[in-house]
Amino acid sequence: MSPGDFKCQRMSRNEARKLIARLALSESVTFVSHAFDRMKERNVSLQDAWNVLESPDSFIHGDGEFENGSYRYRLCTNRIQAVLSFNSDGTRLIVVTVIRRSI
């Protein structure tokens, strides 16, 4: 992919999951202030959020959705969902928000 494609071109679930795993492993992750605000509001710890990013059992729910200038992906475990995007060149994972899922 060329620069800009990571924000403006939808990846398959498999491609997105592999890139998320690679960026989480290298700790190339940014939590935006909205994510921190919502985590506090929803009683979700930073460790909970990292567990979603690092878990081999986490999965992408649905297809990427284009919102606010980039594709966003919903990475889920049974308990937590993180909404994620990538910077334009795909070298950084951006955590937009984190939600506790109802079971």
C-alpha atoms as a PDB file:
ATOM      1  CA  MET A   1       0.000   0.000   0.000  1.00  0.00           C
ATOM      2  CA  SER A   2       1.166   3.510  -0.689  1.00  0.00           C
ATOM      3  CA  PRO A   3       1.074   6.332   1.886  1.00  0.00           C
ATOM      4  CA  GLY A   4      -2.449   7.357   2.738  1.00  0.00           C
ATOM      5  CA  ASP A   5      -3.926   3.988   1.898  1.00  0.00           C
ATOM      6  CA  PHE A   6      -3.961   2.816   5.520  1.00  0.00           C
ATOM      7  CA  LYS A   7      -6.427   5.559   6.414  1.00  0.00           C
ATOM      8  CA  CYS A   8      -8.399   5.786   3.180  1.00  0.00           C
ATOM      9  CA  GLN A   9      -8.518   2.231   1.841  1.00  0.00           C
ATOM     10  CA  ARG A  10     -10.353  -0.552   3.627  1.00  0.00           C
ATOM     11  CA  MET A  11      -8.318  -3.622   4.525  1.00  0.00           C
ATOM     12  CA  SER A  12      -9.735  -7.092   4.870  1.00  0.00           C
ATOM     13  CA  ARG A  13     -10.328  -8.282   8.430  1.00  0.00           C
ATOM     14  CA  ASN A  14      -7.334 -10.583   8.131  1.00  0.00           C
ATOM     15  CA  GLU A  15      -4.996  -7.813   6.899  1.00  0.00           C
ATOM     16  CA  ALA A  16      -6.179  -5.425   9.621  1.00  0.00           C
ATOM     17  CA  ARG A  17      -5.788  -8.080  12.334  1.00  0.00           C
ATOM     18  CA  LYS A  18      -2.213  -8.888  11.257  1.00  0.00           C
ATOM     19  CA  LEU A  19      -1.216  -5.207  11.188  1.00  0.00           C
ATOM     20  CA  ILE A  20      -2.809  -4.614  14.602  1.00  0.00           C
ATOM     21  CA  ALA A  21      -0.903  -7.560  16.084  1.00  0.00           C
ATOM     22  CA  ARG A  22       2.405  -6.361  14.614  1.00  0.00           C
ATOM     23  CA  LEU A  23       1.960  -2.771  15.810  1.00  0.00           C
ATOM     24  CA  ALA A  24       0.804  -3.835  19.288  1.00  0.00           C
ATOM     25  CA  LEU A  25       3.810  -6.142  19.622  1.00  0.00           C
ATOM     26  CA  SER A  26       6.164  -3.284  18.754  1.00  0.00           C
ATOM     27  CA  GLU A  27       4.186  -0.935  21.050  1.00  0.00           C
ATOM     28  CA  SER A  28       3.529   1.439  18.149  1.00  0.00           C
ATOM     29  CA  VAL A  29       0.202   2.430  19.669  1.00  0.00           C
ATOM     30  CA  THR A  30      -1.337   5.802  20.502  1.00  0.00           C
ATOM     31  CA  PHE A  31      -4.380   6.180  22.737  1.00  0.00           C
ATOM     32  CA  VAL A  32      -6.211   9.407  21.895  1.00  0.00           C
ATOM     33  CA  SER A  33      -7.643  11.475  24.743  1.00  0.00           C
ATOM     34  CA  HIS A  34     -11.195  10.387  23.826  1.00  0.00           C
ATOM     35  CA  ALA A  35     -10.168   6.763  24.467  1.00  0.00           C
ATOM     36  CA  PHE A  36      -8.796   7.628  27.917  1.00  0.00           C
ATOM     37  CA  ASP A  37     -11.948   9.613  28.757  1.00  0.00           C
ATOM     38  CA  ARG A  38     -14.239   6.766  27.717  1.00  0.00           C
ATOM     39  CA  MET A  39     -12.111   4.126  29.464  1.00  0.00           C
ATOM     40  CA  LYS A  40     -12.401   6.061  32.722  1.00  0.00           C
ATOM     41  CA  GLU A  41     -16.140   6.593  32.209  1.00  0.00           C
ATOM     42  CA  ARG A  42     -16.676   2.894  31.406  1.00  0.00           C
ATOM     43  CA  ASN A  43     -14.364   1.535  34.102  1.00  0.00           C
ATOM     44  CA  VAL A  44     -12.006  -0.078  31.577  1.00  0.00           C
ATOM     45  CA  SER A  45      -8.340  -0.177  32.572  1.00  0.00           C
ATOM     46  CA  LEU A  46      -5.376   0.453  30.313  1.00  0.00           C
ATOM     47  CA  GLN A  47      -4.407  -3.187  30.912  1.00  0.00           C
ATOM     48  CA  ASP A  48      -7.860  -4.283  29.680  1.00  0.00           C
ATOM     49  CA  ALA A  49      -7.294  -2.311  26.479  1.00  0.00           C
ATOM     50  CA  TRP A  50      -3.803  -3.752  25.968  1.00  0.00           C
ATOM     51  CA  ASN A  51      -5.174  -7.258  26.543  1.00  0.00           C
ATOM     52  CA  VAL A  52      -7.555  -6.775  23.603  1.00  0.00           C
ATOM     53  CA  LEU A  53      -4.693  -5.591  21.377  1.00  0.00           C
ATOM     54  CA  GLU A  54      -2.377  -8.443  22.347  1.00  0.00           C
ATOM     55  CA  SER A  55      -4.810 -11.343  22.686  1.00  0.00           C
ATOM     56  CA  PRO A  56      -4.488 -14.017  20.002  1.00  0.00           C
ATOM     57  CA  ASP A  57      -8.209 -14.666  20.559  1.00  0.00           C
ATOM     58  CA  SER A  58      -9.331 -11.131  19.693  1.00  0.00           C
ATOM     59  CA  PHE A  59     -11.169 -10.726  16.414  1.00  0.00           C
ATOM     60  CA  ILE A  60     -12.282  -7.979  14.046  1.00  0.00           C
ATOM     61  CA  HIS A  61     -16.040  -7.520  14.272  1.00  0.00           C
ATOM     62  CA  GLY A  62     -17.586  -6.413  10.988  1.00  0.00           C
ATOM     63  CA  ASP A  63     -15.836  -4.624   8.157  1.00  0.00           C
ATOM     64  CA  GLY A  64     -13.833  -1.444   8.454  1.00  0.00           C
ATOM     65  CA  GLU A  65     -16.061   1.625   8.653  1.00  0.00           C
ATOM     66  CA  PHE A  66     -15.024   4.953   7.145  1.00  0.00           C
ATOM     67  CA  GLU A  67     -15.508   7.716   9.711  1.00  0.00           C
ATOM     68  CA  ASN A  68     -13.821  11.085  10.273  1.00  0.00           C
ATOM     69  CA  GLY A  69     -11.323  10.591   7.459  1.00  0.00           C
ATOM     70  CA  SER A  70     -10.120   7.057   8.173  1.00  0.00           C
ATOM     71  CA  TYR A  71     -11.221   3.450   8.295  1.00  0.00           C
ATOM     72  CA  ARG A  72     -11.912   2.161  11.787  1.00  0.00           C
ATOM     73  CA  TYR A  73     -11.908  -1.434  12.905  1.00  0.00           C
ATOM     74  CA  ARG A  74     -13.617  -2.979  15.922  1.00  0.00           C
ATOM     75  CA  LEU A  75     -11.266  -5.384  17.671  1.00  0.00           C
ATOM     76  CA  CYS A  76     -13.099  -7.519  20.224  1.00  0.00           C
ATOM     77  CA  THR A  77     -12.716 -10.090  22.930  1.00  0.00           C
ATOM     78  CA  ASN A  78     -15.678 -11.491  24.824  1.00  0.00           C
ATOM     79  CA  ARG A  79     -15.440  -8.630  27.350  1.00  0.00           C
ATOM     80  CA  ILE A  80     -13.893  -5.580  25.661  1.00  0.00           C
ATOM     81  CA  GLN A  81     -14.081  -3.864  22.273  1.00  0.00           C
ATOM     82  CA  ALA A  82     -11.521  -1.370  20.994  1.00  0.00           C
ATOM     83  CA  VAL A  83     -12.181   0.897  18.025  1.00  0.00           C
ATOM     84  CA  LEU A  84      -8.925   1.342  16.122  1.00  0.00           C
ATOM     85  CA  SER A  85      -7.497   3.134  13.116  1.00  0.00           C
ATOM     86  CA  PHE A  86      -4.043   3.532  11.600  1.00  0.00           C
ATOM     87  CA  ASN A  87      -1.908   6.530  10.760  1.00  0.00           C
ATOM     88  CA  SER A  88      -1.541   7.266   7.034  1.00  0.00           C
ATOM     89  CA  ASP A  89       1.562   5.143   6.465  1.00  0.00           C
ATOM     90  CA  GLY A  90       0.462   2.222   8.651  1.00  0.00           C
ATOM     91  CA  THR A  91       3.291   2.526  11.167  1.00  0.00           C
ATOM     92  CA  ARG A  92       1.116   3.428  14.149  1.00  0.00           C
ATOM     93  CA  LEU A  93      -2.078   2.045  15.637  1.00  0.00           C
ATOM     94  CA  ILE A  94      -4.530   4.598  17.019  1.00  0.00           C
ATOM     95  CA  VAL A  95      -6.969   3.585  19.756  1.00  0.00           C
ATOM     96  CA  VAL A  96     -10.051   5.739  19.275  1.00  0.00           C
ATOM     97  CA  THR A  97     -12.215   4.345  22.051  1.00  0.00           C
ATOM     98  CA  VAL A  98     -12.644   1.289  24.274  1.00  0.00           C
ATOM     99  CA  ILE A  99     -15.974  -0.233  25.296  1.00  0.00           C
ATOM    100  CA  ARG A 100     -16.952  -2.929  27.795  1.00  0.00           C
ATOM    101  CA  ARG A 101     -19.105  -5.418  25.892  1.00  0.00           C
ATOM    102  CA  SER A 102     -22.360  -6.850  27.243  1.00  0.00           C
ATOM    103  CA  ILE A 103     -22.340 -10.608  27.414  1.00  0.00           C
END
